[in-house]
Amino acid sequence: TEYHGLEPFEDMFDDSVLADLDTISSYQRPQEITQILGFEYLHSWSS
């Protein structure tokens, strides 16, 4: 999401989901996408 936007997810989500993701900030998109996948976002630097 940070380097390539929503393009890598176009074959994963419906157009309506992509439209909703496009309306929120890039900072919030990872949390929203992982929730769609079925779990809460977890920071890569956390332990």
All heavy atoms as atom14 arrays in JSON, in Angstrom:
{
  "sequence": "TEYHGLEPFEDMFDDSVLADLDTISSYQRPQEITQILGFEYLHSWSS",
  "atom14_mask": [
    [1, 1, 1, 1, 1, 1, 1, 0, 0, 0, 0, 0, 0, 0],
    [1, 1, 1, 1, 1, 1, 1, 1, 1, 0, 0, 0, 0, 0],
    [1, 1, 1, 1, 1, 1, 1, 1, 1, 1, 1, 1, 0, 0],
    [1, 1, 1, 1, 1, 1, 1, 1, 1, 1, 0, 0, 0, 0],
    [1, 1, 1, 1, 0, 0, 0, 0, 0, 0, 0, 0, 0, 0],
    [1, 1, 1, 1, 1, 1, 1, 1, 0, 0, 0, 0, 0, 0],
    [1, 1, 1, 1, 1, 1, 1, 1, 1, 0, 0, 0, 0, 0],
    [1, 1, 1, 1, 1, 1, 1, 0, 0, 0, 0, 0, 0, 0],
    [1, 1, 1, 1, 1, 1, 1, 1, 1, 1, 1, 0, 0, 0],
    [1, 1, 1, 1, 1, 1, 1, 1, 1, 0, 0, 0, 0, 0],
    [1, 1, 1, 1, 1, 1, 1, 1, 0, 0, 0, 0, 0, 0],
    [1, 1, 1, 1, 1, 1, 1, 1, 0, 0, 0, 0, 0, 0],
    [1, 1, 1, 1, 1, 1, 1, 1, 1, 1, 1, 0, 0, 0],
    [1, 1, 1, 1, 1, 1, 1, 1, 0, 0, 0, 0, 0, 0],
    [1, 1, 1, 1, 1, 1, 1, 1, 0, 0, 0, 0, 0, 0],
    [1, 1, 1, 1, 1, 1, 0, 0, 0, 0, 0, 0, 0, 0],
    [1, 1, 1, 1, 1, 1, 1, 0, 0, 0, 0, 0, 0, 0],
    [1, 1, 1, 1, 1, 1, 1, 1, 0, 0, 0, 0, 0, 0],
    [1, 1, 1, 1, 1, 0, 0, 0, 0, 0, 0, 0, 0, 0],
    [1, 1, 1, 1, 1, 1, 1, 1, 0, 0, 0, 0, 0, 0],
    [1, 1, 1, 1, 1, 1, 1, 1, 0, 0, 0, 0, 0, 0],
    [1, 1, 1, 1, 1, 1, 1, 1, 0, 0, 0, 0, 0, 0],
    [1, 1, 1, 1, 1, 1, 1, 0, 0, 0, 0, 0, 0, 0],
    [1, 1, 1, 1, 1, 1, 1, 1, 0, 0, 0, 0, 0, 0],
    [1, 1, 1, 1, 1, 1, 0, 0, 0, 0, 0, 0, 0, 0],
    [1, 1, 1, 1, 1, 1, 0, 0, 0, 0, 0, 0, 0, 0],
    [1, 1, 1, 1, 1, 1, 1, 1, 1, 1, 1, 1, 0, 0],
    [1, 1, 1, 1, 1, 1, 1, 1, 1, 0, 0, 0, 0, 0],
    [1, 1, 1, 1, 1, 1, 1, 1, 1, 1, 1, 0, 0, 0],
    [1, 1, 1, 1, 1, 1, 1, 0, 0, 0, 0, 0, 0, 0],
    [1, 1, 1, 1, 1, 1, 1, 1, 1, 0, 0, 0, 0, 0],
    [1, 1, 1, 1, 1, 1, 1, 1, 1, 0, 0, 0, 0, 0],
    [1, 1, 1, 1, 1, 1, 1, 1, 0, 0, 0, 0, 0, 0],
    [1, 1, 1, 1, 1, 1, 1, 0, 0, 0, 0, 0, 0, 0],
    [1, 1, 1, 1, 1, 1, 1, 1, 1, 0, 0, 0, 0, 0],
    [1, 1, 1, 1, 1, 1, 1, 1, 0, 0, 0, 0, 0, 0],
    [1, 1, 1, 1, 1, 1, 1, 1, 0, 0, 0, 0, 0, 0],
    [1, 1, 1, 1, 0, 0, 0, 0, 0, 0, 0, 0, 0, 0],
    [1, 1, 1, 1, 1, 1, 1, 1, 1, 1, 1, 0, 0, 0],
    [1, 1, 1, 1, 1, 1, 1, 1, 1, 0, 0, 0, 0, 0],
    [1, 1, 1, 1, 1, 1, 1, 1, 1, 1, 1, 1, 0, 0],
    [1, 1, 1, 1, 1, 1, 1, 1, 0, 0, 0, 0, 0, 0],
    [1, 1, 1, 1, 1, 1, 1, 1, 1, 1, 0, 0, 0, 0],
    [1, 1, 1, 1, 1, 1, 0, 0, 0, 0, 0, 0, 0, 0],
    [1, 1, 1, 1, 1, 1, 1, 1, 1, 1, 1, 1, 1, 1],
    [1, 1, 1, 1, 1, 1, 0, 0, 0, 0, 0, 0, 0, 0],
    [1, 1, 1, 1, 1, 1, 0, 0, 0, 0, 0, 0, 0, 0]
  ],
  "atom14_positions": [
    [[0.82, -1.21, 0.0], [0.0, 0.0, 0.0], [0.86, 1.26, 0.0], [0.5, 2.27, -0.61], [-0.94, 0.03, 1.22], [-0.17, -0.13, 2.42], [-1.96, -1.08, 1.13], [0.0, 0.0, 0.0], [0.0, 0.0, 0.0], [0.0, 0.0, 0.0], [0.0, 0.0, 0.0], [0.0, 0.0, 0.0], [0.0, 0.0, 0.0], [0.0, 0.0, 0.0]],
    [[1.99, 1.22, 0.67], [2.85, 2.4, 0.77], [3.58, 2.68, -0.54], [3.71, 3.84, -0.95], [3.87, 2.21, 1.9], [4.8, 3.41, 2.09], [5.74, 3.24, 3.26], [5.59, 2.25, 4.02], [6.65, 4.08, 3.42], [0.0, 0.0, 0.0], [0.0, 0.0, 0.0], [0.0, 0.0, 0.0], [0.0, 0.0, 0.0], [0.0, 0.0, 0.0]],
    [[4.06, 1.64, -1.22], [4.88, 1.84, -2.41], [4.12, 1.66, -3.72], [4.54, 2.18, -4.76], [6.07, 0.87, -2.4], [7.14, 1.23, -1.4], [7.1, 0.75, -0.1], [8.2, 2.06, -1.76], [8.08, 1.08, 0.82], [9.18, 2.41, -0.84], [9.11, 1.92, 0.44], [10.07, 2.24, 1.36], [0.0, 0.0, 0.0], [0.0, 0.0, 0.0]],
    [[3.03, 0.89, -3.7], [2.35, 0.57, -4.95], [0.85, 0.84, -4.92], [0.15, 0.46, -5.86], [2.61, -0.9, -5.31], [4.05, -1.25, -5.39], [4.86, -0.89, -6.44], [4.87, -1.91, -4.51], [6.09, -1.32, -6.23], [6.13, -1.93, -5.07], [0.0, 0.0, 0.0], [0.0, 0.0, 0.0], [0.0, 0.0, 0.0], [0.0, 0.0, 0.0]],
    [[0.35, 1.46, -3.86], [-1.05, 1.82, -3.79], [-1.97, 0.61, -3.73], [-1.64, -0.42, -3.13], [0.0, 0.0, 0.0], [0.0, 0.0, 0.0], [0.0, 0.0, 0.0], [0.0, 0.0, 0.0], [0.0, 0.0, 0.0], [0.0, 0.0, 0.0], [0.0, 0.0, 0.0], [0.0, 0.0, 0.0], [0.0, 0.0, 0.0], [0.0, 0.0, 0.0]],
    [[-3.13, 0.72, -4.37], [-4.13, -0.35, -4.34], [-4.06, -1.27, -5.56], [-4.82, -2.24, -5.63], [-5.53, 0.26, -4.24], [-5.84, 1.05, -2.96], [-7.22, 1.67, -3.05], [-5.75, 0.13, -1.74], [0.0, 0.0, 0.0], [0.0, 0.0, 0.0], [0.0, 0.0, 0.0], [0.0, 0.0, 0.0], [0.0, 0.0, 0.0], [0.0, 0.0, 0.0]],
    [[-3.19, -0.98, -6.5], [-3.11, -1.79, -7.72], [-2.87, -3.27, -7.45], [-3.49, -4.13, -8.09], [-2.02, -1.23, -8.64], [-1.89, -1.99, -9.95], [-0.76, -1.46, -10.8], [-0.15, -0.43, -10.42], [-0.47, -2.07, -11.84], [0.0, 0.0, 0.0], [0.0, 0.0, 0.0], [0.0, 0.0, 0.0], [0.0, 0.0, 0.0], [0.0, 0.0, 0.0]],
    [[-1.96, -3.65, -6.51], [-1.74, -5.09, -6.29], [-2.96, -5.83, -5.76], [-3.0, -7.06, -5.81], [-0.6, -5.1, -5.25], [0.07, -3.78, -5.38], [-1.04, -2.83, -5.72], [0.0, 0.0, 0.0], [0.0, 0.0, 0.0], [0.0, 0.0, 0.0], [0.0, 0.0, 0.0], [0.0, 0.0, 0.0], [0.0, 0.0, 0.0], [0.0, 0.0, 0.0]],
    [[-3.98, -5.11, -5.27], [-5.14, -5.76, -4.67], [-6.36, -5.8, -5.61], [-7.43, -6.23, -5.2], [-5.53, -5.03, -3.37], [-4.41, -4.92, -2.38], [-3.62, -3.78, -2.34], [-4.14, -5.96, -1.51], [-2.58, -3.68, -1.43], [-3.1, -5.86, -0.6], [-2.32, -4.73, -0.56], [0.0, 0.0, 0.0], [0.0, 0.0, 0.0], [0.0, 0.0, 0.0]],
    [[-6.17, -5.36, -6.85], [-7.31, -5.26, -7.76], [-7.91, -6.62, -8.09], [-9.11, -6.71, -8.37], [-6.89, -4.53, -9.04], [-6.6, -3.05, -8.82], [-6.16, -2.35, -10.09], [-5.92, -3.07, -11.1], [-6.03, -1.11, -10.07], [0.0, 0.0, 0.0], [0.0, 0.0, 0.0], [0.0, 0.0, 0.0], [0.0, 0.0, 0.0], [0.0, 0.0, 0.0]],
    [[-7.12, -7.68, -8.1], [-7.65, -9.01, -8.4], [-8.1, -9.75, -7.14], [-8.53, -10.9, -7.23], [-6.62, -9.85, -9.15], [-5.35, -10.05, -8.33], [-5.13, -9.26, -7.39], [-4.59, -10.99, -8.62], [0.0, 0.0, 0.0], [0.0, 0.0, 0.0], [0.0, 0.0, 0.0], [0.0, 0.0, 0.0], [0.0, 0.0, 0.0], [0.0, 0.0, 0.0]],
    [[-8.0, -9.1, -5.99], [-8.41, -9.72, -4.73], [-9.76, -9.22, -4.24], [-10.55, -9.99, -3.69], [-7.36, -9.46, -3.64], [-6.0, -10.03, -3.93], [-4.86, -9.68, -2.56], [-3.34, -10.35, -3.21], [0.0, 0.0, 0.0], [0.0, 0.0, 0.0], [0.0, 0.0, 0.0], [0.0, 0.0, 0.0], [0.0, 0.0, 0.0], [0.0, 0.0, 0.0]],
    [[-10.01, -7.91, -4.41], [-11.2, -7.3, -3.84], [-12.15, -6.83, -4.95], [-11.73, -6.54, -6.08], [-10.83, -6.1, -2.96], [-9.88, -6.44, -1.85], [-8.87, -5.56, -1.49], [-9.99, -7.63, -1.16], [-8.0, -5.86, -0.46], [-9.12, -7.94, -0.13], [-8.12, -7.06, 0.22], [0.0, 0.0, 0.0], [0.0, 0.0, 0.0], [0.0, 0.0, 0.0]],
    [[-13.42, -6.74, -4.61], [-14.42, -6.2, -5.53], [-14.18, -4.71, -5.73], [-13.52, -4.04, -4.92], [-15.83, -6.43, -4.98], [-16.17, -7.91, -4.88], [-15.56, -8.69, -5.65], [-17.02, -8.27, -4.05], [0.0, 0.0, 0.0], [0.0, 0.0, 0.0], [0.0, 0.0, 0.0], [0.0, 0.0, 0.0], [0.0, 0.0, 0.0], [0.0, 0.0, 0.0]],
    [[-14.76, -4.18, -6.8], [-14.6, -2.76, -7.1], [-15.15, -1.89, -5.98], [-14.6, -0.81, -5.68], [-15.31, -2.41, -8.41], [-14.64, -3.05, -9.61], [-13.46, -3.42, -9.48], [-15.3, -3.18, -10.67], [0.0, 0.0, 0.0], [0.0, 0.0, 0.0], [0.0, 0.0, 0.0], [0.0, 0.0, 0.0], [0.0, 0.0, 0.0], [0.0, 0.0, 0.0]],
    [[-16.21, -2.32, -5.33], [-16.8, -1.53, -4.24], [-15.85, -1.45, -3.05], [-15.72, -0.39, -2.41], [-18.13, -2.13, -3.8], [-17.96, -3.48, -3.37], [0.0, 0.0, 0.0], [0.0, 0.0, 0.0], [0.0, 0.0, 0.0], [0.0, 0.0, 0.0], [0.0, 0.0, 0.0], [0.0, 0.0, 0.0], [0.0, 0.0, 0.0], [0.0, 0.0, 0.0]],
    [[-15.17, -2.57, -2.76], [-14.2, -2.58, -1.65], [-13.02, -1.67, -1.99], [-12.55, -0.89, -1.15], [-13.72, -4.01, -1.38], [-12.62, -4.01, -0.31], [-14.88, -4.89, -0.94], [0.0, 0.0, 0.0], [0.0, 0.0, 0.0], [0.0, 0.0, 0.0], [0.0, 0.0, 0.0], [0.0, 0.0, 0.0], [0.0, 0.0, 0.0], [0.0, 0.0, 0.0]],
    [[-12.53, -1.75, -3.21], [-11.41, -0.9, -3.64], [-11.81, 0.57, -3.59], [-11.0, 1.43, -3.22], [-10.97, -1.27, -5.05], [-10.3, -2.64, -5.21], [-10.11, -2.97, -6.68], [-8.95, -2.66, -4.49], [0.0, 0.0, 0.0], [0.0, 0.0, 0.0], [0.0, 0.0, 0.0], [0.0, 0.0, 0.0], [0.0, 0.0, 0.0], [0.0, 0.0, 0.0]],
    [[-13.06, 0.86, -3.96], [-13.53, 2.25, -3.9], [-13.56, 2.76, -2.47], [-13.19, 3.92, -2.2], [-14.92, 2.35, -4.54], [0.0, 0.0, 0.0], [0.0, 0.0, 0.0], [0.0, 0.0, 0.0], [0.0, 0.0, 0.0], [0.0, 0.0, 0.0], [0.0, 0.0, 0.0], [0.0, 0.0, 0.0], [0.0, 0.0, 0.0], [0.0, 0.0, 0.0]],
    [[-13.98, 1.91, -1.54], [-13.99, 2.31, -0.12], [-12.57, 2.53, 0.39], [-12.31, 3.48, 1.13], [-14.69, 1.24, 0.72], [-16.19, 1.16, 0.44], [-16.73, 2.16, -0.06], [-16.78, 0.11, 0.71], [0.0, 0.0, 0.0], [0.0, 0.0, 0.0], [0.0, 0.0, 0.0], [0.0, 0.0, 0.0], [0.0, 0.0, 0.0], [0.0, 0.0, 0.0]],
    [[-11.66, 1.64, 0.0], [-10.27, 1.79, 0.44], [-9.64, 3.05, -0.13], [-8.77, 3.66, 0.5], [-9.45, 0.56, 0.01], [-9.76, -0.76, 0.72], [-9.02, -1.91, 0.06], [-9.38, -0.67, 2.2], [0.0, 0.0, 0.0], [0.0, 0.0, 0.0], [0.0, 0.0, 0.0], [0.0, 0.0, 0.0], [0.0, 0.0, 0.0], [0.0, 0.0, 0.0]],
    [[-10.08, 3.44, -1.31], [-9.51, 4.62, -1.96], [-9.92, 5.9, -1.26], [-9.27, 6.94, -1.42], [-9.96, 4.66, -3.42], [-9.14, 5.63, -4.24], [-7.92, 5.71, -4.03], [-9.73, 6.33, -5.09], [0.0, 0.0, 0.0], [0.0, 0.0, 0.0], [0.0, 0.0, 0.0], [0.0, 0.0, 0.0], [0.0, 0.0, 0.0], [0.0, 0.0, 0.0]],
    [[-10.97, 5.84, -0.46], [-11.45, 7.05, 0.23], [-10.75, 7.3, 1.55], [-10.91, 8.38, 2.12], [-12.97, 6.94, 0.48], [-13.23, 5.8, 1.31], [-13.72, 6.81, -0.84], [0.0, 0.0, 0.0], [0.0, 0.0, 0.0], [0.0, 0.0, 0.0], [0.0, 0.0, 0.0], [0.0, 0.0, 0.0], [0.0, 0.0, 0.0], [0.0, 0.0, 0.0]],
    [[-10.01, 6.33, 2.08], [-9.35, 6.5, 3.37], [-7.87, 6.78, 3.15], [-7.32, 6.55, 2.06], [-9.54, 5.25, 4.27], [-8.87, 4.02, 3.64], [-11.01, 4.99, 4.51], [-8.94, 2.78, 4.5], [0.0, 0.0, 0.0], [0.0, 0.0, 0.0], [0.0, 0.0, 0.0], [0.0, 0.0, 0.0], [0.0, 0.0, 0.0], [0.0, 0.0, 0.0]],
    [[-7.23, 7.25, 4.18], [-5.81, 7.63, 4.07], [-4.94, 6.39, 3.9], [-5.32, 5.29, 4.3], [-5.37, 8.4, 5.33], [-5.4, 7.56, 6.46], [0.0, 0.0, 0.0], [0.0, 0.0, 0.0], [0.0, 0.0, 0.0], [0.0, 0.0, 0.0], [0.0, 0.0, 0.0], [0.0, 0.0, 0.0], [0.0, 0.0, 0.0], [0.0, 0.0, 0.0]],
    [[-3.78, 6.59, 3.29], [-2.85, 5.48, 3.07], [-2.37, 4.89, 4.39], [-2.02, 3.7, 4.46], [-1.65, 5.96, 2.25], [-0.99, 7.04, 2.9], [0.0, 0.0, 0.0], [0.0, 0.0, 0.0], [0.0, 0.0, 0.0], [0.0, 0.0, 0.0], [0.0, 0.0, 0.0], [0.0, 0.0, 0.0], [0.0, 0.0, 0.0], [0.0, 0.0, 0.0]],
    [[-2.38, 5.71, 5.45], [-1.95, 5.22, 6.76], [-2.91, 4.18, 7.31], [-2.52, 3.24, 7.99], [-1.83, 6.4, 7.73], [-1.43, 6.0, 9.13], [-0.1, 5.74, 9.45], [-2.4, 5.89, 10.13], [0.26, 5.37, 10.74], [-2.05, 5.52, 11.42], [-0.71, 5.27, 11.71], [-0.35, 4.89, 12.99], [0.0, 0.0, 0.0], [0.0, 0.0, 0.0]],
    [[-4.21, 4.34, 7.0], [-5.23, 3.45, 7.55], [-5.49, 2.22, 6.68], [-6.08, 1.25, 7.14], [-6.55, 4.22, 7.74], [-6.47, 5.34, 8.77], [-7.74, 6.16, 8.8], [-8.38, 6.38, 7.77], [-8.12, 6.59, 10.0], [0.0, 0.0, 0.0], [0.0, 0.0, 0.0], [0.0, 0.0, 0.0], [0.0, 0.0, 0.0], [0.0, 0.0, 0.0]],
    [[-5.05, 2.25, 5.43], [-5.37, 1.16, 4.51], [-4.86, -0.2, 4.97], [-5.58, -1.2, 4.86], [-4.82, 1.48, 3.11], [-5.63, 2.52, 2.38], [-5.0, 2.9, 1.07], [-5.71, 4.0, 0.42], [-5.25, 4.64, -0.64], [-4.09, 4.3, -1.17], [-5.96, 5.64, -1.16], [0.0, 0.0, 0.0], [0.0, 0.0, 0.0], [0.0, 0.0, 0.0]],
    [[-3.61, -0.33, 5.47], [-3.17, -1.66, 5.91], [-4.07, -2.27, 6.97], [-4.37, -3.48, 6.92], [-1.75, -1.4, 6.45], [-1.29, -0.17, 5.74], [-2.51, 0.66, 5.58], [0.0, 0.0, 0.0], [0.0, 0.0, 0.0], [0.0, 0.0, 0.0], [0.0, 0.0, 0.0], [0.0, 0.0, 0.0], [0.0, 0.0, 0.0], [0.0, 0.0, 0.0]],
    [[-4.52, -1.46, 7.95], [-5.41, -1.98, 8.99], [-6.74, -2.43, 8.4], [-7.28, -3.48, 8.78], [-5.65, -0.9, 10.06], [-4.45, -0.62, 10.96], [-3.48, 0.37, 10.36], [-3.61, 0.76, 9.21], [-2.51, 0.79, 11.14], [0.0, 0.0, 0.0], [0.0, 0.0, 0.0], [0.0, 0.0, 0.0], [0.0, 0.0, 0.0], [0.0, 0.0, 0.0]],
    [[-7.28, -1.66, 7.45], [-8.56, -2.03, 6.84], [-8.42, -3.29, 6.0], [-9.3, -4.16, 6.01], [-9.07, -0.87, 5.99], [-9.43, 0.38, 6.77], [-10.59, 0.15, 7.73], [-11.47, -0.64, 7.4], [-10.58, 0.77, 8.82], [0.0, 0.0, 0.0], [0.0, 0.0, 0.0], [0.0, 0.0, 0.0], [0.0, 0.0, 0.0], [0.0, 0.0, 0.0]],
    [[-7.32, -3.43, 5.27], [-7.13, -4.58, 4.4], [-6.98, -5.86, 5.22], [-7.57, -6.9, 4.9], [-5.92, -4.37, 3.48], [-6.24, -3.28, 2.45], [-5.53, -5.67, 2.76], [-5.07, -2.89, 1.57], [0.0, 0.0, 0.0], [0.0, 0.0, 0.0], [0.0, 0.0, 0.0], [0.0, 0.0, 0.0], [0.0, 0.0, 0.0], [0.0, 0.0, 0.0]],
    [[-6.2, -5.81, 6.3], [-6.04, -7.02, 7.12], [-7.36, -7.4, 7.79], [-7.63, -8.59, 7.99], [-4.95, -6.82, 8.18], [-5.23, -5.63, 8.95], [-3.58, -6.71, 7.54], [0.0, 0.0, 0.0], [0.0, 0.0, 0.0], [0.0, 0.0, 0.0], [0.0, 0.0, 0.0], [0.0, 0.0, 0.0], [0.0, 0.0, 0.0], [0.0, 0.0, 0.0]],
    [[-8.19, -6.42, 8.12], [-9.51, -6.74, 8.68], [-10.37, -7.45, 7.64], [-11.12, -8.38, 7.96], [-10.2, -5.47, 9.17], [-9.63, -4.93, 10.47], [-10.4, -3.73, 10.98], [-11.35, -3.28, 10.36], [-9.97, -3.22, 12.13], [0.0, 0.0, 0.0], [0.0, 0.0, 0.0], [0.0, 0.0, 0.0], [0.0, 0.0, 0.0], [0.0, 0.0, 0.0]],
    [[-10.27, -7.03, 6.39], [-11.0, -7.72, 5.33], [-10.49, -9.16, 5.18], [-11.27, -10.09, 4.95], [-10.85, -6.96, 4.0], [-11.49, -5.58, 4.1], [-11.48, -7.74, 2.85], [-11.24, -4.7, 2.89], [0.0, 0.0, 0.0], [0.0, 0.0, 0.0], [0.0, 0.0, 0.0], [0.0, 0.0, 0.0], [0.0, 0.0, 0.0], [0.0, 0.0, 0.0]],
    [[-9.18, -9.34, 5.35], [-8.6, -10.68, 5.24], [-9.03, -11.58, 6.4], [-8.97, -12.81, 6.27], [-7.07, -10.59, 5.2], [-6.45, -9.86, 3.99], [-4.94, -9.87, 4.09], [-6.9, -10.48, 2.69], [0.0, 0.0, 0.0], [0.0, 0.0, 0.0], [0.0, 0.0, 0.0], [0.0, 0.0, 0.0], [0.0, 0.0, 0.0], [0.0, 0.0, 0.0]],
    [[-9.4, -10.97, 7.54], [-9.92, -11.78, 8.64], [-9.18, -11.66, 9.95], [-9.42, -12.43, 10.88], [0.0, 0.0, 0.0], [0.0, 0.0, 0.0], [0.0, 0.0, 0.0], [0.0, 0.0, 0.0], [0.0, 0.0, 0.0], [0.0, 0.0, 0.0], [0.0, 0.0, 0.0], [0.0, 0.0, 0.0], [0.0, 0.0, 0.0], [0.0, 0.0, 0.0]],
    [[-8.26, -10.69, 10.09], [-7.55, -10.54, 11.37], [-7.13, -9.08, 11.54], [-7.19, -8.29, 10.59], [-6.32, -11.46, 11.43], [-5.26, -11.14, 10.4], [-4.23, -10.27, 10.69], [-5.31, -11.71, 9.14], [-3.26, -9.97, 9.76], [-4.34, -11.43, 8.2], [-3.31, -10.55, 8.5], [0.0, 0.0, 0.0], [0.0, 0.0, 0.0], [0.0, 0.0, 0.0]],
    [[-6.71, -8.75, 12.76], [-6.29, -7.39, 13.06], [-4.83, -7.18, 12.66], [-3.99, -8.08, 12.78], [-6.45, -7.1, 14.57], [-7.88, -7.15, 15.05], [-8.69, -5.96, 14.56], [-8.08, -4.97, 14.11], [-9.93, -6.03, 14.63], [0.0, 0.0, 0.0], [0.0, 0.0, 0.0], [0.0, 0.0, 0.0], [0.0, 0.0, 0.0], [0.0, 0.0, 0.0]],
    [[-4.54, -5.99, 12.17], [-3.19, -5.62, 11.71], [-2.19, -5.74, 12.86], [-2.48, -5.4, 14.01], [-3.2, -4.19, 11.19], [-1.87, -3.7, 10.69], [-1.46, -3.92, 9.39], [-1.04, -2.99, 11.54], [-0.24, -3.46, 8.94], [0.19, -2.52, 11.11], [0.58, -2.75, 9.8], [1.8, -2.29, 9.37], [0.0, 0.0, 0.0], [0.0, 0.0, 0.0]],
    [[-0.99, -6.21, 12.54], [0.07, -6.35, 13.54], [1.33, -5.72, 12.98], [1.78, -6.07, 11.89], [0.32, -7.83, 13.85], [1.25, -8.13, 15.02], [0.65, -7.6, 16.32], [1.49, -9.62, 15.14], [0.0, 0.0, 0.0], [0.0, 0.0, 0.0], [0.0, 0.0, 0.0], [0.0, 0.0, 0.0], [0.0, 0.0, 0.0], [0.0, 0.0, 0.0]],
    [[1.89, -4.75, 13.69], [3.07, -4.05, 13.22], [4.23, -5.01, 13.0], [4.47, -5.93, 13.79], [3.51, -2.97, 14.22], [2.65, -1.74, 14.16], [2.75, -0.83, 13.16], [1.67, -1.3, 14.99], [1.88, 0.14, 13.36], [1.21, -0.12, 14.46], [0.0, 0.0, 0.0], [0.0, 0.0, 0.0], [0.0, 0.0, 0.0], [0.0, 0.0, 0.0]],
    [[4.98, -4.79, 11.93], [6.09, -5.68, 11.59], [7.22, -5.58, 12.61], [7.99, -6.52, 12.78], [6.63, -5.34, 10.2], [7.04, -3.99, 10.14], [0.0, 0.0, 0.0], [0.0, 0.0, 0.0], [0.0, 0.0, 0.0], [0.0, 0.0, 0.0], [0.0, 0.0, 0.0], [0.0, 0.0, 0.0], [0.0, 0.0, 0.0], [0.0, 0.0, 0.0]],
    [[7.34, -4.4, 13.28], [8.44, -4.24, 14.24], [8.07, -4.74, 15.64], [8.88, -4.74, 16.54], [8.85, -2.77, 14.34], [7.71, -1.8, 14.43], [7.19, -1.04, 13.43], [6.93, -1.48, 15.59], [6.14, -0.29, 13.88], [5.97, -0.53, 15.22], [6.97, -1.92, 16.92], [5.04, -0.01, 16.1], [6.04, -1.4, 17.8], [5.1, -0.46, 17.39]],
    [[6.82, -5.13, 15.84], [6.39, -5.58, 17.17], [6.81, -7.01, 17.43], [7.15, -7.75, 16.51], [4.87, -5.45, 17.29], [4.25, -6.32, 16.37], [0.0, 0.0, 0.0], [0.0, 0.0, 0.0], [0.0, 0.0, 0.0], [0.0, 0.0, 0.0], [0.0, 0.0, 0.0], [0.0, 0.0, 0.0], [0.0, 0.0, 0.0], [0.0, 0.0, 0.0]],
    [[6.77, -7.4, 18.69], [7.12, -8.76, 19.09], [6.03, -9.31, 20.0], [6.19, -9.39, 21.22], [8.46, -8.78, 19.82], [9.49, -8.32, 18.98], [0.0, 0.0, 0.0], [0.0, 0.0, 0.0], [0.0, 0.0, 0.0], [0.0, 0.0, 0.0], [0.0, 0.0, 0.0], [0.0, 0.0, 0.0], [0.0, 0.0, 0.0], [0.0, 0.0, 0.0]]
  ]
}
